[in-house]
C-alpha atoms as a PDB file:
ATOM      1  CA  MET A   1       8.449  -4.469  22.018  1.00  0.00           C
ATOM      2  CA  THR A   2       5.152  -3.135  20.795  1.00  0.00           C
ATOM      3  CA  ALA A   3       1.958  -5.146  21.402  1.00  0.00           C
ATOM      4  CA  GLU A   4       1.716  -5.847  17.705  1.00  0.00           C
ATOM      5  CA  LYS A   5       5.210  -7.238  17.572  1.00  0.00           C
ATOM      6  CA  SER A   6       4.575  -9.309  20.694  1.00  0.00           C
ATOM      7  CA  TRP A   7       1.441 -10.793  19.186  1.00  0.00           C
ATOM      8  CA  ILE A   8       3.221 -11.631  15.904  1.00  0.00           C
ATOM      9  CA  SER A   9       6.166 -13.272  17.790  1.00  0.00           C
ATOM     10  CA  LEU A  10       3.670 -15.328  19.905  1.00  0.00           C
ATOM     11  CA  ASN A  11       1.534 -16.361  16.960  1.00  0.00           C
ATOM     12  CA  TYR A  12       4.019 -16.723  14.137  1.00  0.00           C
ATOM     13  CA  SER A  13       7.212 -17.892  15.738  1.00  0.00           C
ATOM     14  CA  PRO A  14       9.344 -20.109  13.279  1.00  0.00           C
ATOM     15  CA  GLY A  15       8.617 -23.833  14.025  1.00  0.00           C
ATOM     16  CA  ARG A  16       5.203 -23.507  15.617  1.00  0.00           C
ATOM     17  CA  GLU A  17       3.212 -26.499  14.416  1.00  0.00           C
ATOM     18  CA  GLY A  18      -0.009 -25.963  12.465  1.00  0.00           C
ATOM     19  CA  LEU A  19       0.367 -22.272  11.606  1.00  0.00           C
ATOM     20  CA  GLY A  20       2.425 -22.520   8.390  1.00  0.00           C
ATOM     21  CA  ARG A  21       1.641 -18.976   7.669  1.00  0.00           C
ATOM     22  CA  SER A  22       3.114 -15.542   7.990  1.00  0.00           C
ATOM     23  CA  PRO A  23       1.789 -12.161   9.350  1.00  0.00           C
ATOM     24  CA  TRP A  24       2.930 -10.692   5.998  1.00  0.00           C
ATOM     25  CA  VAL A  25       0.614 -10.303   3.043  1.00  0.00           C
ATOM     26  CA  PHE A  26       3.453 -11.249   0.756  1.00  0.00           C
ATOM     27  CA  ALA A  27       6.229 -13.254   2.426  1.00  0.00           C
ATOM     28  CA  ASN A  28       9.424 -14.797   1.327  1.00  0.00           C
ATOM     29  CA  ALA A  29      10.142 -18.474   1.408  1.00  0.00           C
ATOM     30  CA  ASP A  30      11.082 -18.316   5.146  1.00  0.00           C
ATOM     31  CA  GLY A  31       7.782 -16.474   6.082  1.00  0.00           C
ATOM     32  CA  GLY A  32       9.628 -13.126   6.480  1.00  0.00           C
ATOM     33  CA  PRO A  33       9.074  -9.853   4.732  1.00  0.00           C
ATOM     34  CA  LEU A  34      10.020  -9.528   1.206  1.00  0.00           C
ATOM     35  CA  ASN A  35      13.189  -7.540   0.312  1.00  0.00           C
ATOM     36  CA  LYS A  36      12.241  -4.312  -1.325  1.00  0.00           C
ATOM     37  CA  ASP A  37      14.974  -4.339  -3.897  1.00  0.00           C
ATOM     38  CA  ASN A  38      14.111  -7.948  -5.062  1.00  0.00           C
ATOM     39  CA  VAL A  39      10.496  -6.915  -5.482  1.00  0.00           C
ATOM     40  CA  ASN A  40      11.434  -3.947  -7.465  1.00  0.00           C
ATOM     41  CA  HIS A  41      13.883  -5.606  -9.786  1.00  0.00           C
ATOM     42  CA  ARG A  42      12.146  -9.002 -10.155  1.00  0.00           C
ATOM     43  CA  SER A  43       8.518  -7.970 -10.216  1.00  0.00           C
ATOM     44  CA  LEU A  44       7.787  -4.170 -10.519  1.00  0.00           C
ATOM     45  CA  LYS A  45      10.247  -3.286 -13.245  1.00  0.00           C
ATOM     46  CA  PRO A  46       9.298  -5.945 -15.647  1.00  0.00           C
ATOM     47  CA  LEU A  47       5.598  -5.105 -15.123  1.00  0.00           C
ATOM     48  CA  LEU A  48       6.247  -1.456 -15.764  1.00  0.00           C
ATOM     49  CA  ALA A  49       8.102  -2.415 -18.968  1.00  0.00           C
ATOM     50  CA  ARG A  50       5.263  -4.568 -20.179  1.00  0.00           C
ATOM     51  CA  ALA A  51       2.706  -1.799 -19.355  1.00  0.00           C
ATOM     52  CA  GLY A  52       4.781   0.857 -21.223  1.00  0.00           C
ATOM     53  CA  LEU A  53       5.353   2.911 -18.120  1.00  0.00           C
ATOM     54  CA  PRO A  54       8.473   4.667 -17.027  1.00  0.00           C
ATOM     55  CA  ASN A  55      10.898   2.433 -14.996  1.00  0.00           C
ATOM     56  CA  ASN A  56      11.178   5.138 -12.323  1.00  0.00           C
ATOM     57  CA  VAL A  57       7.584   4.478 -11.080  1.00  0.00           C
ATOM     58  CA  THR A  58       7.615   3.266  -7.428  1.00  0.00           C
ATOM     59  CA  PHE A  59       5.183   1.459  -5.240  1.00  0.00           C
ATOM     60  CA  GLN A  60       4.772   4.898  -3.462  1.00  0.00           C
ATOM     61  CA  ILE A  61       3.705   6.480  -6.690  1.00  0.00           C
ATOM     62  CA  LEU A  62       1.302   3.732  -7.427  1.00  0.00           C
ATOM     63  CA  CYS A  63      -0.277   4.142  -3.957  1.00  0.00           C
ATOM     64  CA  ARG A  64      -0.620   7.792  -4.144  1.00  0.00           C
ATOM     65  CA  THR A  65      -2.168   7.550  -7.628  1.00  0.00           C
ATOM     66  CA  HIS A  66      -4.608   4.789  -6.372  1.00  0.00           C
ATOM     67  CA  GLY A  67      -5.637   7.105  -3.462  1.00  0.00           C
ATOM     68  CA  THR A  68      -6.047  10.033  -5.769  1.00  0.00           C
ATOM     69  CA  LEU A  69      -8.111   8.192  -8.262  1.00  0.00           C
ATOM     70  CA  LEU A  70     -10.373   6.779  -5.495  1.00  0.00           C
ATOM     71  CA  ALA A  71     -10.782  10.294  -4.105  1.00  0.00           C
ATOM     72  CA  SER A  72     -11.633  11.822  -7.464  1.00  0.00           C
ATOM     73  CA  LYS A  73     -14.279   9.294  -7.921  1.00  0.00           C
ATOM     74  CA  GLY A  74     -16.010  10.395  -4.603  1.00  0.00           C
ATOM     75  CA  VAL A  75     -14.866   7.540  -2.437  1.00  0.00           C
ATOM     76  CA  SER A  76     -14.937   8.589   1.174  1.00  0.00           C
ATOM     77  CA  PRO A  77     -11.680   9.608   2.795  1.00  0.00           C
ATOM     78  CA  ARG A  78     -12.102   6.885   5.423  1.00  0.00           C
ATOM     79  CA  ALA A  79     -12.592   4.227   2.805  1.00  0.00           C
ATOM     80  CA  VAL A  80      -9.445   5.495   0.968  1.00  0.00           C
ATOM     81  CA  GLN A  81      -7.586   5.373   4.312  1.00  0.00           C
ATOM     82  CA  GLU A  82      -8.614   1.789   4.997  1.00  0.00           C
ATOM     83  CA  ARG A  83      -7.814   0.784   1.440  1.00  0.00           C
ATOM     84  CA  LEU A  84      -4.322   2.250   1.595  1.00  0.00           C
ATOM     85  CA  GLY A  85      -3.741   0.777   4.998  1.00  0.00           C
ATOM     86  CA  ARG A  86      -3.092   4.031   6.692  1.00  0.00           C
ATOM     87  CA  SER A  87      -3.305   4.702  10.386  1.00  0.00           C
ATOM     88  CA  ASN A  88      -5.469   7.781  10.207  1.00  0.00           C
ATOM     89  CA  VAL A  89      -7.525   9.715   7.806  1.00  0.00           C
ATOM     90  CA  ARG A  90      -5.416  12.913   8.222  1.00  0.00           C
ATOM     91  CA  THR A  91      -2.429  11.279   6.770  1.00  0.00           C
ATOM     92  CA  THR A  92      -4.549   9.979   3.882  1.00  0.00           C
ATOM     93  CA  LEU A  93      -5.945  13.415   3.101  1.00  0.00           C
ATOM     94  CA  GLN A  94      -2.545  15.103   3.608  1.00  0.00           C
ATOM     95  CA  PHE A  95      -0.184  12.793   1.654  1.00  0.00           C
ATOM     96  CA  TYR A  96      -2.290  10.424  -0.616  1.00  0.00           C
ATOM     97  CA  THR A  97      -4.923  12.484  -2.255  1.00  0.00           C
ATOM     98  CA  GLU A  98      -3.649  14.990  -4.731  1.00  0.00           C
ATOM     99  CA  VAL A  99      -6.073  17.539  -6.102  1.00  0.00           C
ATOM    100  CA  VAL A 100      -6.986  16.806  -9.596  1.00  0.00           C
ATOM    101  CA  PRO A 101      -8.835  19.157 -11.979  1.00  0.00           C
ATOM    102  CA  SER A 102     -12.233  17.478 -11.609  1.00  0.00           C
ATOM    103  CA  MET A 103     -11.985  17.901  -7.803  1.00  0.00           C
ATOM    104  CA  ARG A 104     -11.052  21.506  -8.225  1.00  0.00           C
ATOM    105  CA  ASP A 105     -13.945  22.055 -10.619  1.00  0.00           C
ATOM    106  CA  ALA A 106     -16.385  20.388  -8.202  1.00  0.00           C
ATOM    107  CA  ALA A 107     -15.163  22.642  -5.339  1.00  0.00           C
ATOM    108  CA  VAL A 108     -15.731  25.702  -7.400  1.00  0.00           C
ATOM    109  CA  GLU A 109     -19.276  24.610  -8.338  1.00  0.00           C
ATOM    110  CA  ALA A 110     -20.257  23.702  -4.722  1.00  0.00           C
END
């Protein structure tokens, strides 16, 4: 068991008095993690339809888009990493920031 899982099990065990909370940002009624399929079908898909977006958009696509938009606005890679909750900046730079035309133009002008 990892240190993080040990800490969670010690501090968020079911039935512990006074906590009444979960280690998850968004938790189900029992305090556990949300089911991905439920979230997609009950929340994401209806929101995509209301926004007029294609129904094949995923949370991963939204996350990558968010990272790319932040980077294109000049936000530091470290700030983007923290915002996306990634463990290291290399992952952020490699997978979560796509090169957009404005970034390419800025590199040429530099």
